[in-house]
Amino acid sequence: MPEVLKGLIKNMNKADIVNNAIKRMSTKAQQEVTAYAALELFSQCLEEISEQVAKGNKVMLTGFGRFIPFLTQERKKVVPWRSNEKYNVKKKCVPKFYAAPKFEEKVKQSVIVSDN
């Protein structure tokens, strides 16, 4: 965790996110949806994003960011605590996230950075 963010980060899970989203909804919408249904929908959206990226597709969420499959190259890695022992890391595909400018700006403006 970056030094500047110590004490500022709260670990949030799916239920926390869904509960916060429900609180932001209009009263009528809150009456129409159950917390269970909202959590299930959110879980299915995350699963769909995972499946699409695993298939090699890009997932773009306007105003939030994009998820892409990223192919890492084969490389040598050094283990400093083992007499600088080197080993090969095979190429692999990993998920990568690029935040949208709007999302980045919101985070920059709201996170307090300290020099301590």
PDB file of N, CA and C in Angstrom:
ATOM      1  N   MET A   1       0.846  -1.176   0.000  1.00  0.00           N
ATOM      2  CA  MET A   1       0.000   0.000   0.000  1.00  0.00           C
ATOM      3  C   MET A   1       0.892   1.239   0.000  1.00  0.00           C
ATOM      4  N   PRO A   2       0.632   2.201  -0.883  1.00  0.00           N
ATOM      5  CA  PRO A   2       1.444   3.404  -0.899  1.00  0.00           C
ATOM      6  C   PRO A   2       1.408   4.115   0.444  1.00  0.00           C
ATOM      7  N   GLU A   3       2.530   4.689   0.811  1.00  0.00           N
ATOM      8  CA  GLU A   3       2.674   5.372   2.091  1.00  0.00           C
ATOM      9  C   GLU A   3       1.614   6.458   2.273  1.00  0.00           C
ATOM     10  N   VAL A   4       1.301   7.185   1.205  1.00  0.00           N
ATOM     11  CA  VAL A   4       0.380   8.316   1.308  1.00  0.00           C
ATOM     12  C   VAL A   4      -1.050   7.895   1.590  1.00  0.00           C
ATOM     13  N   LEU A   5      -1.365   6.618   1.401  1.00  0.00           N
ATOM     14  CA  LEU A   5      -2.753   6.185   1.570  1.00  0.00           C
ATOM     15  C   LEU A   5      -2.991   5.430   2.872  1.00  0.00           C
ATOM     16  N   LYS A   6      -1.965   5.273   3.711  1.00  0.00           N
ATOM     17  CA  LYS A   6      -2.159   4.549   4.964  1.00  0.00           C
ATOM     18  C   LYS A   6      -3.260   5.202   5.787  1.00  0.00           C
ATOM     19  N   GLY A   7      -4.173   4.391   6.279  1.00  0.00           N
ATOM     20  CA  GLY A   7      -5.255   4.877   7.113  1.00  0.00           C
ATOM     21  C   GLY A   7      -6.431   5.438   6.328  1.00  0.00           C
ATOM     22  N   LEU A   8      -6.275   5.612   5.011  1.00  0.00           N
ATOM     23  CA  LEU A   8      -7.359   6.164   4.199  1.00  0.00           C
ATOM     24  C   LEU A   8      -8.159   5.090   3.493  1.00  0.00           C
ATOM     25  N   ILE A   9      -7.605   3.889   3.384  1.00  0.00           N
ATOM     26  CA  ILE A   9      -8.236   2.844   2.586  1.00  0.00           C
ATOM     27  C   ILE A   9      -9.137   1.980   3.443  1.00  0.00           C
ATOM     28  N   LYS A  10     -10.359   1.794   2.975  1.00  0.00           N
ATOM     29  CA  LYS A  10     -11.301   0.870   3.600  1.00  0.00           C
ATOM     30  C   LYS A  10     -11.492  -0.276   2.618  1.00  0.00           C
ATOM     31  N   ASN A  11     -11.311  -1.478   3.069  1.00  0.00           N
ATOM     32  CA  ASN A  11     -11.547  -2.626   2.197  1.00  0.00           C
ATOM     33  C   ASN A  11     -13.048  -2.789   2.019  1.00  0.00           C
ATOM     34  N   MET A  12     -13.473  -2.769   0.766  1.00  0.00           N
ATOM     35  CA  MET A  12     -14.895  -2.911   0.471  1.00  0.00           C
ATOM     36  C   MET A  12     -15.118  -4.202  -0.301  1.00  0.00           C
ATOM     37  N   ASN A  13     -16.216  -4.875   0.013  1.00  0.00           N
ATOM     38  CA  ASN A  13     -16.573  -6.084  -0.730  1.00  0.00           C
ATOM     39  C   ASN A  13     -17.805  -5.793  -1.587  1.00  0.00           C
ATOM     40  N   LYS A  14     -18.253  -6.808  -2.319  1.00  0.00           N
ATOM     41  CA  LYS A  14     -19.406  -6.616  -3.211  1.00  0.00           C
ATOM     42  C   LYS A  14     -20.632  -6.126  -2.454  1.00  0.00           C
ATOM     43  N   ALA A  15     -20.886  -6.692  -1.298  1.00  0.00           N
ATOM     44  CA  ALA A  15     -22.070  -6.306  -0.519  1.00  0.00           C
ATOM     45  C   ALA A  15     -21.998  -4.833  -0.118  1.00  0.00           C
ATOM     46  N   ASP A  16     -20.817  -4.352   0.283  1.00  0.00           N
ATOM     47  CA  ASP A  16     -20.659  -2.942   0.643  1.00  0.00           C
ATOM     48  C   ASP A  16     -20.969  -2.040  -0.548  1.00  0.00           C
ATOM     49  N   ILE A  17     -20.435  -2.404  -1.701  1.00  0.00           N
ATOM     50  CA  ILE A  17     -20.655  -1.604  -2.905  1.00  0.00           C
ATOM     51  C   ILE A  17     -22.135  -1.584  -3.270  1.00  0.00           C
ATOM     52  N   VAL A  18     -22.773  -2.749  -3.231  1.00  0.00           N
ATOM     53  CA  VAL A  18     -24.195  -2.832  -3.571  1.00  0.00           C
ATOM     54  C   VAL A  18     -25.032  -2.032  -2.578  1.00  0.00           C
ATOM     55  N   ASN A  19     -24.752  -2.159  -1.286  1.00  0.00           N
ATOM     56  CA  ASN A  19     -25.509  -1.416  -0.275  1.00  0.00           C
ATOM     57  C   ASN A  19     -25.356   0.093  -0.462  1.00  0.00           C
ATOM     58  N   ASN A  20     -24.140   0.549  -0.765  1.00  0.00           N
ATOM     59  CA  ASN A  20     -23.923   1.977  -1.022  1.00  0.00           C
ATOM     60  C   ASN A  20     -24.668   2.423  -2.274  1.00  0.00           C
ATOM     61  N   ALA A  21     -24.666   1.592  -3.304  1.00  0.00           N
ATOM     62  CA  ALA A  21     -25.372   1.929  -4.548  1.00  0.00           C
ATOM     63  C   ALA A  21     -26.881   2.012  -4.302  1.00  0.00           C
ATOM     64  N   ILE A  22     -27.414   1.092  -3.509  1.00  0.00           N
ATOM     65  CA  ILE A  22     -28.854   1.116  -3.202  1.00  0.00           C
ATOM     66  C   ILE A  22     -29.222   2.403  -2.477  1.00  0.00           C
ATOM     67  N   LYS A  23     -28.366   2.856  -1.557  1.00  0.00           N
ATOM     68  CA  LYS A  23     -28.627   4.099  -0.824  1.00  0.00           C
ATOM     69  C   LYS A  23     -28.671   5.305  -1.760  1.00  0.00           C
ATOM     70  N   ARG A  24     -27.925   5.248  -2.874  1.00  0.00           N
ATOM     71  CA  ARG A  24     -27.871   6.366  -3.819  1.00  0.00           C
ATOM     72  C   ARG A  24     -29.050   6.362  -4.794  1.00  0.00           C
ATOM     73  N   MET A  25     -29.788   5.264  -4.849  1.00  0.00           N
ATOM     74  CA  MET A  25     -30.913   5.144  -5.769  1.00  0.00           C
ATOM     75  C   MET A  25     -32.100   5.971  -5.281  1.00  0.00           C
ATOM     76  N   SER A  26     -33.004   6.277  -6.187  1.00  0.00           N
ATOM     77  CA  SER A  26     -34.222   6.995  -5.801  1.00  0.00           C
ATOM     78  C   SER A  26     -35.060   6.091  -4.892  1.00  0.00           C
ATOM     79  N   THR A  27     -35.953   6.705  -4.141  1.00  0.00           N
ATOM     80  CA  THR A  27     -36.810   5.955  -3.220  1.00  0.00           C
ATOM     81  C   THR A  27     -37.638   4.917  -3.971  1.00  0.00           C
ATOM     82  N   LYS A  28     -38.172   5.297  -5.131  1.00  0.00           N
ATOM     83  CA  LYS A  28     -38.982   4.366  -5.919  1.00  0.00           C
ATOM     84  C   LYS A  28     -38.151   3.169  -6.363  1.00  0.00           C
ATOM     85  N   ALA A  29     -36.940   3.427  -6.819  1.00  0.00           N
ATOM     86  CA  ALA A  29     -36.069   2.337  -7.259  1.00  0.00           C
ATOM     87  C   ALA A  29     -35.697   1.435  -6.084  1.00  0.00           C
ATOM     88  N   GLN A  30     -35.479   2.031  -4.913  1.00  0.00           N
ATOM     89  CA  GLN A  30     -35.159   1.232  -3.725  1.00  0.00           C
ATOM     90  C   GLN A  30     -36.297   0.278  -3.389  1.00  0.00           C
ATOM     91  N   GLN A  31     -37.533   0.705  -3.619  1.00  0.00           N
ATOM     92  CA  GLN A  31     -38.695  -0.138  -3.335  1.00  0.00           C
ATOM     93  C   GLN A  31     -38.824  -1.261  -4.353  1.00  0.00           C
ATOM     94  N   GLU A  32     -38.312  -1.043  -5.555  1.00  0.00           N
ATOM     95  CA  GLU A  32     -38.449  -2.009  -6.644  1.00  0.00           C
ATOM     96  C   GLU A  32     -37.409  -3.136  -6.577  1.00  0.00           C
ATOM     97  N   VAL A  33     -36.261  -2.886  -5.966  1.00  0.00           N
ATOM     98  CA  VAL A  33     -35.175  -3.870  -6.001  1.00  0.00           C
ATOM     99  C   VAL A  33     -34.809  -4.321  -4.585  1.00  0.00           C
ATOM    100  N   THR A  34     -34.522  -5.604  -4.458  1.00  0.00           N
ATOM    101  CA  THR A  34     -34.060  -6.117  -3.165  1.00  0.00           C
ATOM    102  C   THR A  34     -32.536  -6.091  -3.148  1.00  0.00           C
ATOM    103  N   ALA A  35     -31.977  -6.081  -1.964  1.00  0.00           N
ATOM    104  CA  ALA A  35     -30.517  -6.101  -1.840  1.00  0.00           C
ATOM    105  C   ALA A  35     -29.960  -7.382  -2.452  1.00  0.00           C
ATOM    106  N   TYR A  36     -30.685  -8.487  -2.277  1.00  0.00           N
ATOM    107  CA  TYR A  36     -30.237  -9.763  -2.844  1.00  0.00           C
ATOM    108  C   TYR A  36     -30.196  -9.708  -4.369  1.00  0.00           C
ATOM    109  N   ALA A  37     -31.241  -9.134  -4.979  1.00  0.00           N
ATOM    110  CA  ALA A  37     -31.292  -9.044  -6.441  1.00  0.00           C
ATOM    111  C   ALA A  37     -30.185  -8.138  -6.964  1.00  0.00           C
ATOM    112  N   ALA A  38     -29.939  -7.032  -6.276  1.00  0.00           N
ATOM    113  CA  ALA A  38     -28.881  -6.116  -6.687  1.00  0.00           C
ATOM    114  C   ALA A  38     -27.509  -6.780  -6.570  1.00  0.00           C
ATOM    115  N   LEU A  39     -27.287  -7.511  -5.489  1.00  0.00           N
ATOM    116  CA  LEU A  39     -26.022  -8.217  -5.300  1.00  0.00           C
ATOM    117  C   LEU A  39     -25.834  -9.288  -6.372  1.00  0.00           C
ATOM    118  N   GLU A  40     -26.889 -10.010  -6.693  1.00  0.00           N
ATOM    119  CA  GLU A  40     -26.815 -11.041  -7.728  1.00  0.00           C
ATOM    120  C   GLU A  40     -26.506 -10.412  -9.086  1.00  0.00           C
ATOM    121  N   LEU A  41     -27.154  -9.307  -9.401  1.00  0.00           N
ATOM    122  CA  LEU A  41     -26.898  -8.615 -10.667  1.00  0.00           C
ATOM    123  C   LEU A  41     -25.452  -8.136 -10.736  1.00  0.00           C
ATOM    124  N   PHE A  42     -24.973  -7.543  -9.667  1.00  0.00           N
ATOM    125  CA  PHE A  42     -23.594  -7.056  -9.626  1.00  0.00           C
ATOM    126  C   PHE A  42     -22.610  -8.216  -9.781  1.00  0.00           C
ATOM    127  N   SER A  43     -22.861  -9.314  -9.095  1.00  0.00           N
ATOM    128  CA  SER A  43     -21.999 -10.505  -9.203  1.00  0.00           C
ATOM    129  C   SER A  43     -21.968 -11.027 -10.639  1.00  0.00           C
ATOM    130  N   GLN A  44     -23.127 -11.061 -11.289  1.00  0.00           N
ATOM    131  CA  GLN A  44     -23.193 -11.544 -12.675  1.00  0.00           C
ATOM    132  C   GLN A  44     -22.477 -10.592 -13.633  1.00  0.00           C
ATOM    133  N   CYS A  45     -22.547  -9.290 -13.370  1.00  0.00           N
ATOM    134  CA  CYS A  45     -21.817  -8.326 -14.202  1.00  0.00           C
ATOM    135  C   CYS A  45     -20.306  -8.549 -14.082  1.00  0.00           C
ATOM    136  N   LEU A  46     -19.834  -8.746 -12.861  1.00  0.00           N
ATOM    137  CA  LEU A  46     -18.402  -9.006 -12.665  1.00  0.00           C
ATOM    138  C   LEU A  46     -17.985 -10.311 -13.331  1.00  0.00           C
ATOM    139  N   GLU A  47     -18.818 -11.326 -13.235  1.00  0.00           N
ATOM    140  CA  GLU A  47     -18.529 -12.612 -13.870  1.00  0.00           C
ATOM    141  C   GLU A  47     -18.471 -12.455 -15.388  1.00  0.00           C
ATOM    142  N   GLU A  48     -19.384 -11.679 -15.943  1.00  0.00           N
ATOM    143  CA  GLU A  48     -19.406 -11.457 -17.388  1.00  0.00           C
ATOM    144  C   GLU A  48     -18.147 -10.715 -17.850  1.00  0.00           C
ATOM    145  N   ILE A  49     -17.726  -9.714 -17.079  1.00  0.00           N
ATOM    146  CA  ILE A  49     -16.484  -9.008 -17.404  1.00  0.00           C
ATOM    147  C   ILE A  49     -15.321  -9.987 -17.398  1.00  0.00           C
ATOM    148  N   SER A  50     -15.238 -10.821 -16.366  1.00  0.00           N
ATOM    149  CA  SER A  50     -14.160 -11.812 -16.264  1.00  0.00           C
ATOM    150  C   SER A  50     -14.165 -12.772 -17.450  1.00  0.00           C
ATOM    151  N   GLU A  51     -15.337 -13.266 -17.805  1.00  0.00           N
ATOM    152  CA  GLU A  51     -15.445 -14.215 -18.919  1.00  0.00           C
ATOM    153  C   GLU A  51     -15.045 -13.578 -20.245  1.00  0.00           C
ATOM    154  N   GLN A  52     -15.479 -12.352 -20.478  1.00  0.00           N
ATOM    155  CA  GLN A  52     -15.170 -11.689 -21.739  1.00  0.00           C
ATOM    156  C   GLN A  52     -13.672 -11.401 -21.865  1.00  0.00           C
ATOM    157  N   VAL A  53     -13.048 -10.953 -20.798  1.00  0.00           N
ATOM    158  CA  VAL A  53     -11.605 -10.694 -20.837  1.00  0.00           C
ATOM    159  C   VAL A  53     -10.848 -12.010 -21.001  1.00  0.00           C
ATOM    160  N   ALA A  54     -11.317 -13.074 -20.347  1.00  0.00           N
ATOM    161  CA  ALA A  54     -10.679 -14.394 -20.481  1.00  0.00           C
ATOM    162  C   ALA A  54     -10.770 -14.911 -21.913  1.00  0.00           C
ATOM    163  N   LYS A  55     -11.818 -14.513 -22.642  1.00  0.00           N
ATOM    164  CA  LYS A  55     -11.972 -14.915 -24.048  1.00  0.00           C
ATOM    165  C   LYS A  55     -11.122 -14.057 -24.978  1.00  0.00           C
ATOM    166  N   GLY A  56     -10.478 -13.023 -24.441  1.00  0.00           N
ATOM    167  CA  GLY A  56      -9.649 -12.156 -25.270  1.00  0.00           C
ATOM    168  C   GLY A  56     -10.332 -10.877 -25.706  1.00  0.00           C
ATOM    169  N   ASN A  57     -11.513 -10.596 -25.167  1.00  0.00           N
ATOM    170  CA  ASN A  57     -12.259  -9.393 -25.538  1.00  0.00           C
ATOM    171  C   ASN A  57     -11.934  -8.237 -24.594  1.00  0.00           C
ATOM    172  N   LYS A  58     -12.026  -7.011 -25.123  1.00  0.00           N
ATOM    173  CA  LYS A  58     -11.897  -5.815 -24.300  1.00  0.00           C
ATOM    174  C   LYS A  58     -13.276  -5.478 -23.747  1.00  0.00           C
ATOM    175  N   VAL A  59     -13.329  -5.026 -22.505  1.00  0.00           N
ATOM    176  CA  VAL A  59     -14.584  -4.581 -21.903  1.00  0.00           C
ATOM    177  C   VAL A  59     -14.411  -3.108 -21.549  1.00  0.00           C
ATOM    178  N   MET A  60     -15.218  -2.255 -22.171  1.00  0.00           N
ATOM    179  CA  MET A  60     -15.128  -0.817 -21.942  1.00  0.00           C
ATOM    180  C   MET A  60     -16.365  -0.327 -21.214  1.00  0.00           C
ATOM    181  N   LEU A  61     -16.159   0.324 -20.070  1.00  0.00           N
ATOM    182  CA  LEU A  61     -17.244   0.902 -19.284  1.00  0.00           C
ATOM    183  C   LEU A  61     -17.043   2.413 -19.300  1.00  0.00           C
ATOM    184  N   THR A  62     -17.834   3.098 -20.100  1.00  0.00           N
ATOM    185  CA  THR A  62     -17.683   4.533 -20.299  1.00  0.00           C
ATOM    186  C   THR A  62     -17.687   5.282 -18.968  1.00  0.00           C
ATOM    187  N   GLY A  63     -16.697   6.134 -18.789  1.00  0.00           N
ATOM    188  CA  GLY A  63     -16.586   6.925 -17.576  1.00  0.00           C
ATOM    189  C   GLY A  63     -15.921   6.201 -16.428  1.00  0.00           C
ATOM    190  N   PHE A  64     -15.678   4.912 -16.573  1.00  0.00           N
ATOM    191  CA  PHE A  64     -15.049   4.120 -15.516  1.00  0.00           C
ATOM    192  C   PHE A  64     -13.683   3.614 -15.961  1.00  0.00           C
ATOM    193  N   GLY A  65     -13.651   2.863 -17.067  1.00  0.00           N
ATOM    194  CA  GLY A  65     -12.379   2.359 -17.552  1.00  0.00           C
ATOM    195  C   GLY A  65     -12.570   1.165 -18.467  1.00  0.00           C
ATOM    196  N   ARG A  66     -11.453   0.532 -18.794  1.00  0.00           N
ATOM    197  CA  ARG A  66     -11.530  -0.638 -19.667  1.00  0.00           C
ATOM    198  C   ARG A  66     -10.655  -1.756 -19.121  1.00  0.00           C
ATOM    199  N   PHE A  67     -11.136  -2.948 -19.324  1.00  0.00           N
ATOM    200  CA  PHE A  67     -10.436  -4.164 -18.935  1.00  0.00           C
ATOM    201  C   PHE A  67      -9.965  -4.827 -20.224  1.00  0.00           C
ATOM    202  N   ILE A  68      -8.695  -5.208 -20.268  1.00  0.00           N
ATOM    203  CA  ILE A  68      -8.178  -5.861 -21.470  1.00  0.00           C
ATOM    204  C   ILE A  68      -7.338  -7.065 -21.074  1.00  0.00           C
ATOM    205  N   PRO A  69      -7.271  -8.071 -21.962  1.00  0.00           N
ATOM    206  CA  PRO A  69      -6.318  -9.152 -21.730  1.00  0.00           C
ATOM    207  C   PRO A  69      -4.943  -8.655 -22.184  1.00  0.00           C
ATOM    208  N   PHE A  70      -3.934  -8.848 -21.387  1.00  0.00           N
ATOM    209  CA  PHE A  70      -2.591  -8.341 -21.680  1.00  0.00           C
ATOM    210  C   PHE A  70      -1.611  -9.507 -21.682  1.00  0.00           C
ATOM    211  N   LEU A  71      -0.880  -9.663 -22.767  1.00  0.00           N
ATOM    212  CA  LEU A  71       0.086 -10.759 -22.893  1.00  0.00           C
ATOM    213  C   LEU A  71       1.448 -10.288 -22.407  1.00  0.00           C
ATOM    214  N   THR A  72       1.940 -10.913 -21.335  1.00  0.00           N
ATOM    215  CA  THR A  72       3.282 -10.583 -20.849  1.00  0.00           C
ATOM    216  C   THR A  72       4.293 -11.419 -21.623  1.00  0.00           C
ATOM    217  N   GLN A  73       5.483 -10.903 -21.783  1.00  0.00           N
ATOM    218  CA  GLN A  73       6.530 -11.609 -22.502  1.00  0.00           C
ATOM    219  C   GLN A  73       7.317 -12.501 -21.553  1.00  0.00           C
ATOM    220  N   GLU A  74       7.936 -13.533 -22.105  1.00  0.00           N
ATOM    221  CA  GLU A  74       8.816 -14.383 -21.302  1.00  0.00           C
ATOM    222  C   GLU A  74      10.008 -13.530 -20.884  1.00  0.00           C
ATOM    223  N   ARG A  75      10.423 -13.693 -19.620  1.00  0.00           N
ATOM    224  CA  ARG A  75      11.538 -12.885 -19.122  1.00  0.00           C
ATOM    225  C   ARG A  75      12.257 -13.606 -17.991  1.00  0.00           C
ATOM    226  N   LYS A  76      13.406 -13.103 -17.658  1.00  0.00           N
ATOM    227  CA  LYS A  76      14.157 -13.639 -16.527  1.00  0.00           C
ATOM    228  C   LYS A  76      13.879 -12.757 -15.315  1.00  0.00           C
ATOM    229  N   LYS A  77      13.744 -13.395 -14.167  1.00  0.00           N
ATOM    230  CA  LYS A  77      13.483 -12.681 -12.935  1.00  0.00           C
ATOM    231  C   LYS A  77      14.573 -13.033 -11.928  1.00  0.00           C
ATOM    232  N   VAL A  78      14.933 -12.085 -11.101  1.00  0.00           N
ATOM    233  CA  VAL A  78      15.990 -12.282 -10.116  1.00  0.00           C
ATOM    234  C   VAL A  78      15.374 -12.377  -8.727  1.00  0.00           C
ATOM    235  N   VAL A  79      15.858 -13.327  -7.933  1.00  0.00           N
ATOM    236  CA  VAL A  79      15.430 -13.465  -6.543  1.00  0.00           C
ATOM    237  C   VAL A  79      16.585 -12.960  -5.683  1.00  0.00           C
ATOM    238  N   PRO A  80      16.522 -11.712  -5.194  1.00  0.00           N
ATOM    239  CA  PRO A  80      17.659 -11.122  -4.483  1.00  0.00           C
ATOM    240  C   PRO A  80      18.039 -11.835  -3.185  1.00  0.00           C
ATOM    241  N   TRP A  81      17.071 -12.420  -2.494  1.00  0.00           N
ATOM    242  CA  TRP A  81      17.385 -13.093  -1.226  1.00  0.00           C
ATOM    243  C   TRP A  81      17.934 -14.497  -1.430  1.00  0.00           C
ATOM    244  N   ARG A  82      18.066 -14.937  -2.668  1.00  0.00           N
ATOM    245  CA  ARG A  82      18.674 -16.247  -2.963  1.00  0.00           C
ATOM    246  C   ARG A  82      19.918 -16.058  -3.835  1.00  0.00           C
ATOM    247  N   SER A  83      20.849 -15.255  -3.369  1.00  0.00           N
ATOM    248  CA  SER A  83      22.109 -15.008  -4.083  1.00  0.00           C
ATOM    249  C   SER A  83      21.869 -14.576  -5.526  1.00  0.00           C
ATOM    250  N   ASN A  84      20.866 -13.738  -5.713  1.00  0.00           N
ATOM    251  CA  ASN A  84      20.512 -13.230  -7.044  1.00  0.00           C
ATOM    252  C   ASN A  84      20.234 -14.341  -8.056  1.00  0.00           C
ATOM    253  N   GLU A  85      19.659 -15.414  -7.566  1.00  0.00           N
ATOM    254  CA  GLU A  85      19.285 -16.533  -8.438  1.00  0.00           C
ATOM    255  C   GLU A  85      18.300 -16.057  -9.502  1.00  0.00           C
ATOM    256  N   LYS A  86      18.500 -16.515 -10.738  1.00  0.00           N
ATOM    257  CA  LYS A  86      17.622 -16.117 -11.842  1.00  0.00           C
ATOM    258  C   LYS A  86      16.758 -17.298 -12.259  1.00  0.00           C
ATOM    259  N   TYR A  87      15.543 -16.994 -12.690  1.00  0.00           N
ATOM    260  CA  TYR A  87      14.663 -18.028 -13.222  1.00  0.00           C
ATOM    261  C   TYR A  87      13.800 -17.416 -14.324  1.00  0.00           C
ATOM    262  N   ASN A  88      13.278 -18.264 -15.172  1.00  0.00           N
ATOM    263  CA  ASN A  88      12.455 -17.805 -16.286  1.00  0.00           C
ATOM    264  C   ASN A  88      11.004 -17.702 -15.857  1.00  0.00           C
ATOM    265  N   VAL A  89      10.372 -16.630 -16.296  1.00  0.00           N
ATOM    266  CA  VAL A  89       8.942 -16.460 -16.108  1.00  0.00           C
ATOM    267  C   VAL A  89       8.321 -16.622 -17.490  1.00  0.00           C
ATOM    268  N   LYS A  90       7.429 -17.599 -17.633  1.00  0.00           N
ATOM    269  CA  LYS A  90       6.812 -17.864 -18.929  1.00  0.00           C
ATOM    270  C   LYS A  90       5.864 -16.734 -19.314  1.00  0.00           C
ATOM    271  N   LYS A  91       5.663 -16.592 -20.620  1.00  0.00           N
ATOM    272  CA  LYS A  91       4.694 -15.583 -21.049  1.00  0.00           C
ATOM    273  C   LYS A  91       3.306 -16.077 -20.662  1.00  0.00           C
ATOM    274  N   LYS A  92       2.465 -15.117 -20.342  1.00  0.00           N
ATOM    275  CA  LYS A  92       1.109 -15.459 -19.915  1.00  0.00           C
ATOM    276  C   LYS A  92       0.195 -14.285 -20.199  1.00  0.00           C
ATOM    277  N   CYS A  93      -1.082 -14.551 -20.151  1.00  0.00           N
ATOM    278  CA  CYS A  93      -2.088 -13.522 -20.360  1.00  0.00           C
ATOM    279  C   CYS A  93      -2.665 -13.146 -18.997  1.00  0.00           C
ATOM    280  N   VAL A  94      -2.678 -11.851 -18.706  1.00  0.00           N
ATOM    281  CA  VAL A  94      -3.196 -11.355 -17.434  1.00  0.00           C
ATOM    282  C   VAL A  94      -4.207 -10.241 -17.697  1.00  0.00           C
ATOM    283  N   PRO A  95      -5.150 -10.041 -16.803  1.00  0.00           N
ATOM    284  CA  PRO A  95      -6.087  -8.932 -16.994  1.00  0.00           C
ATOM    285  C   PRO A  95      -5.413  -7.611 -16.617  1.00  0.00           C
ATOM    286  N   LYS A  96      -5.751  -6.568 -17.354  1.00  0.00           N
ATOM    287  CA  LYS A  96      -5.207  -5.252 -17.075  1.00  0.00           C
ATOM    288  C   LYS A  96      -6.353  -4.250 -17.092  1.00  0.00           C
ATOM    289  N   PHE A  97      -6.291  -3.261 -16.213  1.00  0.00           N
ATOM    290  CA  PHE A  97      -7.337  -2.253 -16.127  1.00  0.00           C
ATOM    291  C   PHE A  97      -6.728  -0.882 -16.386  1.00  0.00           C
ATOM    292  N   TYR A  98      -7.382  -0.113 -17.246  1.00  0.00           N
ATOM    293  CA  TYR A  98      -7.001   1.265 -17.516  1.00  0.00           C
ATOM    294  C   TYR A  98      -8.169   2.155 -17.092  1.00  0.00           C
ATOM    295  N   ALA A  99      -7.937   3.014 -16.130  1.00  0.00           N
ATOM    296  CA  ALA A  99      -8.998   3.895 -15.645  1.00  0.00           C
ATOM    297  C   ALA A  99      -9.298   4.977 -16.675  1.00  0.00           C
ATOM    298  N   ALA A 100     -10.572   5.329 -16.789  1.00  0.00           N
ATOM    299  CA  ALA A 100     -10.990   6.419 -17.670  1.00  0.00           C
ATOM    300  C   ALA A 100     -10.523   7.747 -17.063  1.00  0.00           C
ATOM    301  N   PRO A 101     -10.247   8.742 -17.902  1.00  0.00           N
ATOM    302  CA  PRO A 101      -9.785  10.040 -17.386  1.00  0.00           C
ATOM    303  C   PRO A 101     -10.724  10.627 -16.329  1.00  0.00           C
ATOM    304  N   LYS A 102     -12.028  10.480 -16.535  1.00  0.00           N
ATOM    305  CA  LYS A 102     -13.015  10.999 -15.582  1.00  0.00           C
ATOM    306  C   LYS A 102     -12.853  10.328 -14.211  1.00  0.00           C
ATOM    307  N   PHE A 103     -12.638   9.012 -14.215  1.00  0.00           N
ATOM    308  CA  PHE A 103     -12.451   8.247 -12.982  1.00  0.00           C
ATOM    309  C   PHE A 103     -11.134   8.646 -12.309  1.00  0.00           C
ATOM    310  N   GLU A 104     -10.057   8.748 -13.099  1.00  0.00           N
ATOM    311  CA  GLU A 104      -8.756   9.148 -12.544  1.00  0.00           C
ATOM    312  C   GLU A 104      -8.844  10.518 -11.881  1.00  0.00           C
ATOM    313  N   GLU A 105      -9.502  11.448 -12.550  1.00  0.00           N
ATOM    314  CA  GLU A 105      -9.620  12.805 -12.020  1.00  0.00           C
ATOM    315  C   GLU A 105     -10.400  12.810 -10.713  1.00  0.00           C
ATOM    316  N   LYS A 106     -11.462  12.022 -10.636  1.00  0.00           N
ATOM    317  CA  LYS A 106     -12.265  11.957  -9.408  1.00  0.00           C
ATOM    318  C   LYS A 106     -11.415  11.441  -8.242  1.00  0.00           C
ATOM    319  N   VAL A 107     -10.603  10.421  -8.496  1.00  0.00           N
ATOM    320  CA  VAL A 107      -9.749   9.872  -7.442  1.00  0.00           C
ATOM    321  C   VAL A 107      -8.682  10.884  -7.032  1.00  0.00           C
ATOM    322  N   LYS A 108      -8.073  11.547  -8.012  1.00  0.00           N
ATOM    323  CA  LYS A 108      -7.046  12.552  -7.714  1.00  0.00           C
ATOM    324  C   LYS A 108      -7.595  13.665  -6.838  1.00  0.00           C
ATOM    325  N   GLN A 109      -8.824  14.071  -7.095  1.00  0.00           N
ATOM    326  CA  GLN A 109      -9.415  15.180  -6.347  1.00  0.00           C
ATOM    327  C   GLN A 109      -9.888  14.776  -4.963  1.00  0.00           C
ATOM    328  N   SER A 110     -10.206  13.503  -4.753  1.00  0.00           N
ATOM    329  CA  SER A 110     -10.825  13.120  -3.490  1.00  0.00           C
ATOM    330  C   SER A 110      -9.878  12.454  -2.497  1.00  0.00           C
ATOM    331  N   VAL A 111      -8.760  11.904  -2.948  1.00  0.00           N
ATOM    332  CA  VAL A 111      -7.831  11.258  -2.030  1.00  0.00           C
ATOM    333  C   VAL A 111      -6.847  12.291  -1.519  1.00  0.00           C
ATOM    334  N   ILE A 112      -6.765  12.394  -0.218  1.00  0.00           N
ATOM    335  CA  ILE A 112      -5.860  13.351   0.417  1.00  0.00           C
ATOM    336  C   ILE A 112      -4.474  12.728   0.470  1.00  0.00           C
ATOM    337  N   VAL A 113      -3.505  13.422  -0.087  1.00  0.00           N
ATOM    338  CA  VAL A 113      -2.127  12.932  -0.104  1.00  0.00           C
ATOM    339  C   VAL A 113      -1.319  13.711   0.907  1.00  0.00           C
ATOM    340  N   SER A 114      -0.619  12.974   1.776  1.00  0.00           N
ATOM    341  CA  SER A 114       0.221  13.640   2.773  1.00  0.00           C
ATOM    342  C   SER A 114       1.684  13.346   2.494  1.00  0.00           C
ATOM    343  N   ASP A 115       2.559  14.217   2.969  1.00  0.00           N
ATOM    344  CA  ASP A 115       3.996  14.030   2.762  1.00  0.00           C
ATOM    345  C   ASP A 115       4.635  13.190   3.848  1.00  0.00           C
ATOM    346  N   ASN A 116       3.924  12.830   4.898  1.00  0.00           N
ATOM    347  CA  ASN A 116       4.499  12.065   6.027  1.00  0.00           C
ATOM    348  C   ASN A 116       4.796  10.687   5.587  1.00  0.00           C
TER     349      ASN A 116
END
